[in-house]
Amino acid sequence: MKVWVTMAGRDAEVTFRTEGGQLMVEYGGKEFHADVVKLPDGEVYSLLVNGRSYEVRVAQEQGALGVTWSGTAMSVEVKHPLEKMLQQVAGAKRHRGETIMAPMPGAVVTIRVQVGDSVVPGQSVLVLEAMKMQNELAAQTAGVVREILVAEKAAVSAGTPLVKIAPHAEEA
C-alpha cells in the first residue's frame, strides 16, 4: 500500500507491505524490515528492526495520527496518493492557511512567533513540553500569523488549537 505521509512539515511517499510475516517499509529510497507485534492496549506496537527493539505508540488524533517513537512524539498525517494529488490541485487554486494544534497533551514552553509575523513551511512556531520532552511545532504552510490562541506555560490537551496562520494577502 502506497501512502503520502506528512511529518514535521515534510511530505514523503511511503510504501507498506507484508512479506513472510514481516512489515516492509520503503521510504526515501531505502527499505526497512520489521517484525511487528501489537500490544494489548491497542495503541502500542513492539517493533524489531535490525535486531533492535522499539516501542511505538500510535493514537488517532484530529485529522492525523499521534506517533511516539523512542520518546519523541509527533503528529503524522497519512493520505492516499489520490487524496494528496487532489489536495495539491485545490491548494494551487487557493491556500486557506492552517491551524496548528497540540498533537498531545502538554505545556506550552515558548511561543516563537507573534501576530503579524510571516512564516515559512517548517518554521518552528511553538515549543510544547510533553512527558519531559520538548517538541517543536512547525508551520506546514507559508503565511502570516493571524492569531495566537494560547499563552506560554498554558496546559493544553491533544487537539487544542494553538496558532492560526492565514495565507499571505496575495495568495488569498
Protein backbone atom coordinates (compact mmCIF):
# COMPACT_ATOMS: atom_id res chain seq x y z
CA MET A 1 0.00 0.00 0.00
CA LYS A 2 1.43 3.36 -1.04
CA VAL A 3 0.58 6.46 1.02
CA TRP A 4 1.72 10.06 1.42
CA VAL A 5 2.97 10.92 4.88
CA THR A 6 3.36 14.45 6.23
CA MET A 7 5.55 14.68 9.31
CA ALA A 8 7.43 17.70 10.74
CA GLY A 9 6.42 19.76 7.72
CA ARG A 10 7.86 17.29 5.21
CA ASP A 11 5.99 15.13 2.72
CA ALA A 12 7.17 11.70 1.67
CA GLU A 13 5.82 8.79 -0.31
CA VAL A 14 5.91 5.62 1.80
CA THR A 15 5.09 2.07 0.71
CA PHE A 16 4.00 -0.56 3.25
CA ARG A 17 3.64 -4.26 2.55
CA THR A 18 3.90 -7.55 4.41
CA GLU A 19 6.20 -10.30 3.30
CA GLY A 20 6.81 -13.55 5.16
CA GLY A 21 5.28 -12.22 8.38
CA GLN A 22 7.39 -9.06 8.33
CA LEU A 23 6.40 -5.46 7.68
CA MET A 24 8.36 -3.93 4.81
CA VAL A 25 8.55 -0.14 4.60
CA GLU A 26 10.04 1.77 1.66
CA TYR A 27 10.88 5.38 2.48
CA GLY A 28 13.38 7.80 0.96
CA GLY A 29 14.80 5.17 -1.38
CA LYS A 30 15.53 2.77 1.49
CA GLU A 31 13.75 -0.40 2.53
CA PHE A 32 13.24 -1.32 6.18
CA HIS A 33 12.15 -4.73 7.51
CA ALA A 34 10.43 -5.07 10.89
CA ASP A 35 8.81 -7.75 13.00
CA VAL A 36 5.70 -6.11 14.50
CA VAL A 37 3.58 -7.15 17.49
CA LYS A 38 0.52 -5.15 18.56
CA LEU A 39 0.44 -4.95 22.36
CA PRO A 40 -2.81 -5.48 24.32
CA ASP A 41 -3.67 -1.78 24.84
CA GLY A 42 -4.20 -1.45 21.07
CA GLU A 43 -2.10 1.73 20.69
CA VAL A 44 1.40 0.38 21.33
CA TYR A 45 3.40 -1.75 18.93
CA SER A 46 6.67 -3.57 19.56
CA LEU A 47 8.99 -3.41 16.53
CA LEU A 48 12.16 -5.39 15.97
CA VAL A 49 14.31 -3.67 13.31
CA ASN A 50 17.83 -4.92 12.54
CA GLY A 51 17.97 -6.68 15.92
CA ARG A 52 16.94 -3.56 17.86
CA SER A 53 13.65 -3.37 19.73
CA TYR A 54 11.46 -0.25 19.56
CA GLU A 55 8.18 0.66 21.19
CA VAL A 56 5.88 2.79 19.06
CA ARG A 57 2.61 4.32 20.25
CA VAL A 58 0.05 5.23 17.59
CA ALA A 59 -3.17 7.05 18.50
CA GLN A 60 -5.80 8.66 16.30
CA GLU A 61 -5.95 12.45 16.67
CA GLN A 62 -7.89 15.15 14.85
CA GLY A 63 -7.10 14.50 11.19
CA ALA A 64 -3.77 12.82 11.95
CA LEU A 65 -2.01 10.12 13.92
CA GLY A 66 -0.11 10.84 17.11
CA VAL A 67 3.07 8.75 16.92
CA THR A 68 5.59 8.36 19.75
CA TRP A 69 8.84 6.65 18.76
CA SER A 70 11.91 6.47 21.03
CA GLY A 71 10.43 9.13 23.33
CA THR A 72 9.76 11.62 20.51
CA ALA A 73 6.12 12.46 19.87
CA MET A 74 4.94 13.80 16.54
CA SER A 75 1.81 14.32 14.53
CA VAL A 76 1.72 12.31 11.30
CA GLU A 77 -0.80 12.89 8.53
CA VAL A 78 -1.38 9.93 6.20
CA LYS A 79 -3.11 10.27 2.82
CA HIS A 80 -3.86 8.09 -0.15
CA PRO A 81 -1.84 9.29 -3.20
CA LEU A 82 -5.06 10.35 -4.98
CA GLU A 83 -6.13 12.41 -1.96
CA LYS A 84 -2.69 14.06 -1.91
CA MET A 85 -2.93 14.91 -5.60
CA LEU A 86 -6.42 16.38 -5.22
CA GLN A 87 -5.26 18.42 -2.22
CA GLN A 88 -2.33 19.81 -4.24
CA VAL A 89 -4.64 20.81 -7.09
CA ALA A 90 -7.06 22.51 -4.66
CA GLY A 91 -4.16 24.11 -2.79
CA ALA A 92 -2.76 25.50 -6.02
CA LYS A 93 -6.08 27.27 -6.57
CA ARG A 94 -6.24 28.71 -3.08
CA HIS A 95 -4.19 28.44 0.08
CA ARG A 96 -6.50 28.75 3.09
CA GLY A 97 -3.96 28.85 5.90
CA GLU A 98 -3.71 26.43 8.78
CA THR A 99 -4.36 26.00 12.46
CA ILE A 100 -1.51 24.39 14.38
CA MET A 101 -2.93 22.07 17.03
CA ALA A 102 -1.37 20.30 20.00
CA PRO A 103 -0.50 16.75 18.88
CA MET A 104 -0.51 15.59 22.51
CA PRO A 105 -1.34 16.93 25.98
CA GLY A 106 1.39 19.13 27.43
CA ALA A 107 2.50 22.60 28.48
CA VAL A 108 3.38 25.49 26.17
CA VAL A 109 7.03 26.35 26.87
CA THR A 110 7.78 29.03 24.26
CA ILE A 111 5.83 30.80 21.55
CA ARG A 112 8.34 31.65 18.81
CA VAL A 113 6.11 33.95 16.71
CA GLN A 114 3.91 36.99 17.17
CA VAL A 115 0.69 38.04 15.44
CA GLY A 116 1.65 39.53 12.06
CA ASP A 117 4.87 37.52 11.65
CA SER A 118 5.48 35.84 8.29
CA VAL A 119 6.20 32.10 8.50
CA VAL A 120 7.51 29.55 6.02
CA PRO A 121 6.86 25.80 5.90
CA GLY A 122 8.92 24.00 8.54
CA GLN A 123 9.45 27.12 10.67
CA SER A 124 9.09 26.49 14.39
CA VAL A 125 6.20 28.47 15.87
CA LEU A 126 5.83 26.95 19.34
CA VAL A 127 7.53 24.58 21.79
CA LEU A 128 5.29 22.12 23.64
CA GLU A 129 6.59 20.05 26.55
CA ALA A 130 5.08 16.60 26.99
CA MET A 131 6.43 13.77 29.13
CA LYS A 132 9.52 15.90 29.94
CA MET A 133 10.35 16.18 26.22
CA GLN A 134 10.27 19.48 24.34
CA ASN A 135 8.61 19.25 20.94
CA GLU A 136 8.97 21.94 18.26
CA LEU A 137 5.69 22.51 16.43
CA ALA A 138 6.22 23.91 12.94
CA ALA A 139 4.13 25.62 10.29
CA GLN A 140 3.15 23.32 7.43
CA THR A 141 2.41 26.21 5.04
CA ALA A 142 3.66 29.72 4.36
CA GLY A 143 1.57 32.60 5.64
CA VAL A 144 1.11 35.22 8.31
CA VAL A 145 0.38 34.51 11.98
CA ARG A 146 -3.23 35.64 12.39
CA GLU A 147 -3.92 34.55 15.97
CA ILE A 148 -2.13 33.02 18.94
CA LEU A 149 -4.71 31.06 20.90
CA VAL A 150 -2.66 30.09 23.98
CA ALA A 151 -0.20 31.66 26.40
CA GLU A 152 3.21 30.43 27.48
CA LYS A 153 3.02 27.98 30.41
CA ALA A 154 -0.58 27.06 29.48
CA ALA A 155 -1.57 23.40 29.88
CA VAL A 156 -3.20 22.05 26.70
CA SER A 157 -4.96 18.86 25.66
CA ALA A 158 -4.32 16.91 22.46
CA GLY A 159 -6.13 18.63 19.59
CA THR A 160 -6.17 22.08 21.22
CA PRO A 161 -5.80 24.84 18.57
CA LEU A 162 -2.61 26.82 19.33
CA VAL A 163 -1.77 29.16 16.45
CA LYS A 164 -3.71 30.25 13.35
CA ILE A 165 -1.82 31.07 10.18
CA ALA A 166 -3.52 32.90 7.32
CA PRO A 167 -2.30 32.95 3.72
CA HIS A 168 -0.26 35.97 2.58
CA ALA A 169 -2.55 38.70 1.17
CA GLU A 170 -1.51 37.98 -2.43
CA GLU A 171 -2.36 34.26 -2.03
CA ALA A 172 -5.85 34.76 -0.60
